[in-house]
């Protein structure tokens, strides 16, 4: 679903602020950051 974001984390207390900033930046700018690339759903397509 284009434009859909969902953030789930086991260590949300420590990573929450970083994940929030990364996703907010992506959503607002439209540019994908490479830092969370290993955790995107596309990783299952290869």
PDB file of N, CA and C in Angstrom:
ATOM      1  N   UNK A   1       0.852  -1.154   0.000  1.00  0.00           N
ATOM      2  CA  UNK A   1       0.000   0.000   0.000  1.00  0.00           C
ATOM      3  C   UNK A   1       0.909   1.231   0.000  1.00  0.00           C
ATOM      4  N   UNK A   2       0.919   1.991  -1.056  1.00  0.00           N
ATOM      5  CA  UNK A   2       1.787   3.170  -1.134  1.00  0.00           C
ATOM      6  C   UNK A   2       1.476   4.188  -0.040  1.00  0.00           C
ATOM      7  N   UNK A   3       2.524   4.701   0.570  1.00  0.00           N
ATOM      8  CA  UNK A   3       2.361   5.723   1.593  1.00  0.00           C
ATOM      9  C   UNK A   3       2.043   5.202   2.978  1.00  0.00           C
ATOM     10  N   UNK A   4       1.953   3.888   3.142  1.00  0.00           N
ATOM     11  CA  UNK A   4       1.638   3.305   4.449  1.00  0.00           C
ATOM     12  C   UNK A   4       2.926   3.082   5.239  1.00  0.00           C
ATOM     13  N   UNK A   5       2.954   3.520   6.468  1.00  0.00           N
ATOM     14  CA  UNK A   5       4.093   3.300   7.350  1.00  0.00           C
ATOM     15  C   UNK A   5       3.599   2.682   8.639  1.00  0.00           C
ATOM     16  N   UNK A   6       4.381   1.741   9.136  1.00  0.00           N
ATOM     17  CA  UNK A   6       4.104   1.140  10.438  1.00  0.00           C
ATOM     18  C   UNK A   6       5.452   0.870  11.088  1.00  0.00           C
ATOM     19  N   UNK A   7       5.631   1.317  12.294  1.00  0.00           N
ATOM     20  CA  UNK A   7       6.887   1.107  13.003  1.00  0.00           C
ATOM     21  C   UNK A   7       6.630   0.242  14.224  1.00  0.00           C
ATOM     22  N   UNK A   8       7.322  -0.887  14.280  1.00  0.00           N
ATOM     23  CA  UNK A   8       7.199  -1.812  15.395  1.00  0.00           C
ATOM     24  C   UNK A   8       8.616  -2.148  15.842  1.00  0.00           C
ATOM     25  N   UNK A   9       8.843  -2.133  17.134  1.00  0.00           N
ATOM     26  CA  UNK A   9      10.191  -2.379  17.626  1.00  0.00           C
ATOM     27  C   UNK A   9      10.146  -3.073  18.971  1.00  0.00           C
ATOM     28  N   UNK A  10      11.054  -4.007  19.158  1.00  0.00           N
ATOM     29  CA  UNK A  10      11.176  -4.680  20.448  1.00  0.00           C
ATOM     30  C   UNK A  10      11.802  -3.722  21.461  1.00  0.00           C
ATOM     31  N   UNK A  11      12.748  -2.915  20.999  1.00  0.00           N
ATOM     32  CA  UNK A  11      13.417  -1.975  21.901  1.00  0.00           C
ATOM     33  C   UNK A  11      12.948  -0.546  21.629  1.00  0.00           C
ATOM     34  N   UNK A  12      11.644  -0.359  21.645  1.00  0.00           N
ATOM     35  CA  UNK A  12      11.044   0.927  21.325  1.00  0.00           C
ATOM     36  C   UNK A  12      11.437   2.054  22.259  1.00  0.00           C
ATOM     37  N   UNK A  13      11.720   1.745  23.502  1.00  0.00           N
ATOM     38  CA  UNK A  13      12.110   2.784  24.462  1.00  0.00           C
ATOM     39  C   UNK A  13      13.428   3.419  24.036  1.00  0.00           C
ATOM     40  N   UNK A  14      14.371   2.623  23.578  1.00  0.00           N
ATOM     41  CA  UNK A  14      15.675   3.166  23.202  1.00  0.00           C
ATOM     42  C   UNK A  14      15.725   3.615  21.749  1.00  0.00           C
ATOM     43  N   UNK A  15      15.021   2.930  20.868  1.00  0.00           N
ATOM     44  CA  UNK A  15      15.083   3.261  19.441  1.00  0.00           C
ATOM     45  C   UNK A  15      13.930   4.131  18.962  1.00  0.00           C
ATOM     46  N   UNK A  16      12.923   4.322  19.791  1.00  0.00           N
ATOM     47  CA  UNK A  16      11.750   5.098  19.404  1.00  0.00           C
ATOM     48  C   UNK A  16      12.065   6.471  18.841  1.00  0.00           C
ATOM     49  N   UNK A  17      12.884   7.266  19.525  1.00  0.00           N
ATOM     50  CA  UNK A  17      13.182   8.601  18.999  1.00  0.00           C
ATOM     51  C   UNK A  17      13.882   8.569  17.640  1.00  0.00           C
ATOM     52  N   UNK A  18      14.797   7.639  17.442  1.00  0.00           N
ATOM     53  CA  UNK A  18      15.521   7.540  16.166  1.00  0.00           C
ATOM     54  C   UNK A  18      14.575   7.073  15.063  1.00  0.00           C
ATOM     55  N   UNK A  19      13.789   6.057  15.338  1.00  0.00           N
ATOM     56  CA  UNK A  19      12.836   5.545  14.349  1.00  0.00           C
ATOM     57  C   UNK A  19      11.829   6.628  13.988  1.00  0.00           C
ATOM     58  N   UNK A  20      11.343   7.339  14.985  1.00  0.00           N
ATOM     59  CA  UNK A  20      10.387   8.419  14.732  1.00  0.00           C
ATOM     60  C   UNK A  20      10.963   9.496  13.835  1.00  0.00           C
ATOM     61  N   UNK A  21      12.191   9.903  14.093  1.00  0.00           N
ATOM     62  CA  UNK A  21      12.838  10.934  13.264  1.00  0.00           C
ATOM     63  C   UNK A  21      13.072  10.451  11.847  1.00  0.00           C
ATOM     64  N   UNK A  22      13.545   9.213  11.702  1.00  0.00           N
ATOM     65  CA  UNK A  22      13.796   8.666  10.363  1.00  0.00           C
ATOM     66  C   UNK A  22      12.509   8.601   9.542  1.00  0.00           C
ATOM     67  N   UNK A  23      11.459   8.071  10.141  1.00  0.00           N
ATOM     68  CA  UNK A  23      10.207   7.936   9.410  1.00  0.00           C
ATOM     69  C   UNK A  23       9.562   9.285   9.135  1.00  0.00           C
ATOM     70  N   UNK A  24       9.617  10.190  10.093  1.00  0.00           N
ATOM     71  CA  UNK A  24       9.056  11.526   9.865  1.00  0.00           C
ATOM     72  C   UNK A  24       9.777  12.217   8.719  1.00  0.00           C
ATOM     73  N   UNK A  25      11.091  12.086   8.678  1.00  0.00           N
ATOM     74  CA  UNK A  25      11.870  12.689   7.601  1.00  0.00           C
ATOM     75  C   UNK A  25      11.482  12.100   6.250  1.00  0.00           C
ATOM     76  N   UNK A  26      11.340  10.776   6.192  1.00  0.00           N
ATOM     77  CA  UNK A  26      10.937  10.111   4.940  1.00  0.00           C
ATOM     78  C   UNK A  26       9.542  10.541   4.503  1.00  0.00           C
ATOM     79  N   UNK A  27       8.625  10.562   5.432  1.00  0.00           N
ATOM     80  CA  UNK A  27       7.243  10.899   5.105  1.00  0.00           C
ATOM     81  C   UNK A  27       7.141  12.335   4.608  1.00  0.00           C
ATOM     82  N   UNK A  28       7.839  13.249   5.260  1.00  0.00           N
ATOM     83  CA  UNK A  28       7.745  14.656   4.886  1.00  0.00           C
ATOM     84  C   UNK A  28       8.526  15.000   3.624  1.00  0.00           C
ATOM     85  N   UNK A  29       9.684  14.369   3.429  1.00  0.00           N
ATOM     86  CA  UNK A  29      10.523  14.711   2.279  1.00  0.00           C
ATOM     87  C   UNK A  29      10.294  13.803   1.076  1.00  0.00           C
ATOM     88  N   UNK A  30       9.818  12.588   1.328  1.00  0.00           N
ATOM     89  CA  UNK A  30       9.647  11.626   0.234  1.00  0.00           C
ATOM     90  C   UNK A  30      10.932  10.908  -0.130  1.00  0.00           C
ATOM     91  N   UNK A  31      12.047  11.259   0.532  1.00  0.00           N
ATOM     92  CA  UNK A  31      13.334  10.617   0.267  1.00  0.00           C
ATOM     93  C   UNK A  31      13.555   9.500   1.270  1.00  0.00           C
ATOM     94  N   UNK A  32      13.917   8.315   0.760  1.00  0.00           N
ATOM     95  CA  UNK A  32      14.126   7.164   1.630  1.00  0.00           C
ATOM     96  C   UNK A  32      15.536   7.166   2.195  1.00  0.00           C
ATOM     97  N   UNK A  33      15.629   7.032   3.500  1.00  0.00           N
ATOM     98  CA  UNK A  33      16.920   6.928   4.167  1.00  0.00           C
ATOM     99  C   UNK A  33      17.375   5.476   4.066  1.00  0.00           C
ATOM    100  N   UNK A  34      18.662   5.266   3.899  1.00  0.00           N
ATOM    101  CA  UNK A  34      19.183   3.898   3.767  1.00  0.00           C
ATOM    102  C   UNK A  34      19.393   3.202   5.113  1.00  0.00           C
ATOM    103  N   UNK A  35      19.396   3.957   6.199  1.00  0.00           N
ATOM    104  CA  UNK A  35      19.646   3.344   7.506  1.00  0.00           C
ATOM    105  C   UNK A  35      18.658   2.210   7.822  1.00  0.00           C
ATOM    106  N   UNK A  36      17.351   2.371   7.627  1.00  0.00           N
ATOM    107  CA  UNK A  36      16.437   1.269   7.940  1.00  0.00           C
ATOM    108  C   UNK A  36      16.196   0.301   6.773  1.00  0.00           C
ATOM    109  N   UNK A  37      17.034   0.323   5.744  1.00  0.00           N
ATOM    110  CA  UNK A  37      16.812  -0.510   4.552  1.00  0.00           C
ATOM    111  C   UNK A  37      16.704  -2.004   4.878  1.00  0.00           C
ATOM    112  N   UNK A  38      17.493  -2.478   5.831  1.00  0.00           N
ATOM    113  CA  UNK A  38      17.468  -3.906   6.179  1.00  0.00           C
ATOM    114  C   UNK A  38      16.176  -4.337   6.869  1.00  0.00           C
ATOM    115  N   UNK A  39      15.335  -3.382   7.227  1.00  0.00           N
ATOM    116  CA  UNK A  39      14.114  -3.695   7.958  1.00  0.00           C
ATOM    117  C   UNK A  39      12.846  -3.433   7.149  1.00  0.00           C
ATOM    118  N   UNK A  40      13.009  -3.053   5.893  1.00  0.00           N
ATOM    119  CA  UNK A  40      11.846  -2.757   5.044  1.00  0.00           C
ATOM    120  C   UNK A  40      11.216  -4.056   4.525  1.00  0.00           C
ATOM    121  N   UNK A  41       9.922  -4.036   4.236  1.00  0.00           N
ATOM    122  CA  UNK A  41       9.257  -5.248   3.726  1.00  0.00           C
ATOM    123  C   UNK A  41       9.875  -5.774   2.430  1.00  0.00           C
ATOM    124  N   UNK A  42      10.503  -4.909   1.636  1.00  0.00           N
ATOM    125  CA  UNK A  42      11.094  -5.359   0.374  1.00  0.00           C
ATOM    126  C   UNK A  42      12.204  -6.387   0.587  1.00  0.00           C
ATOM    127  N   UNK A  43      12.733  -6.479   1.798  1.00  0.00           N
ATOM    128  CA  UNK A  43      13.802  -7.435   2.044  1.00  0.00           C
ATOM    129  C   UNK A  43      13.344  -8.869   1.811  1.00  0.00           C
ATOM    130  N   UNK A  44      12.044  -9.098   1.860  1.00  0.00           N
ATOM    131  CA  UNK A  44      11.521 -10.450   1.651  1.00  0.00           C
ATOM    132  C   UNK A  44      11.357 -10.801   0.178  1.00  0.00           C
ATOM    133  N   UNK A  45      11.503  -9.835  -0.722  1.00  0.00           N
ATOM    134  CA  UNK A  45      11.288 -10.078  -2.142  1.00  0.00           C
ATOM    135  C   UNK A  45      12.498 -10.654  -2.839  1.00  0.00           C
ATOM    136  N   UNK A  46      13.668 -10.633  -2.224  1.00  0.00           N
ATOM    137  CA  UNK A  46      14.871 -11.120  -2.900  1.00  0.00           C
ATOM    138  C   UNK A  46      15.119 -12.590  -2.681  1.00  0.00           C
TER     139      UNK A  46
END
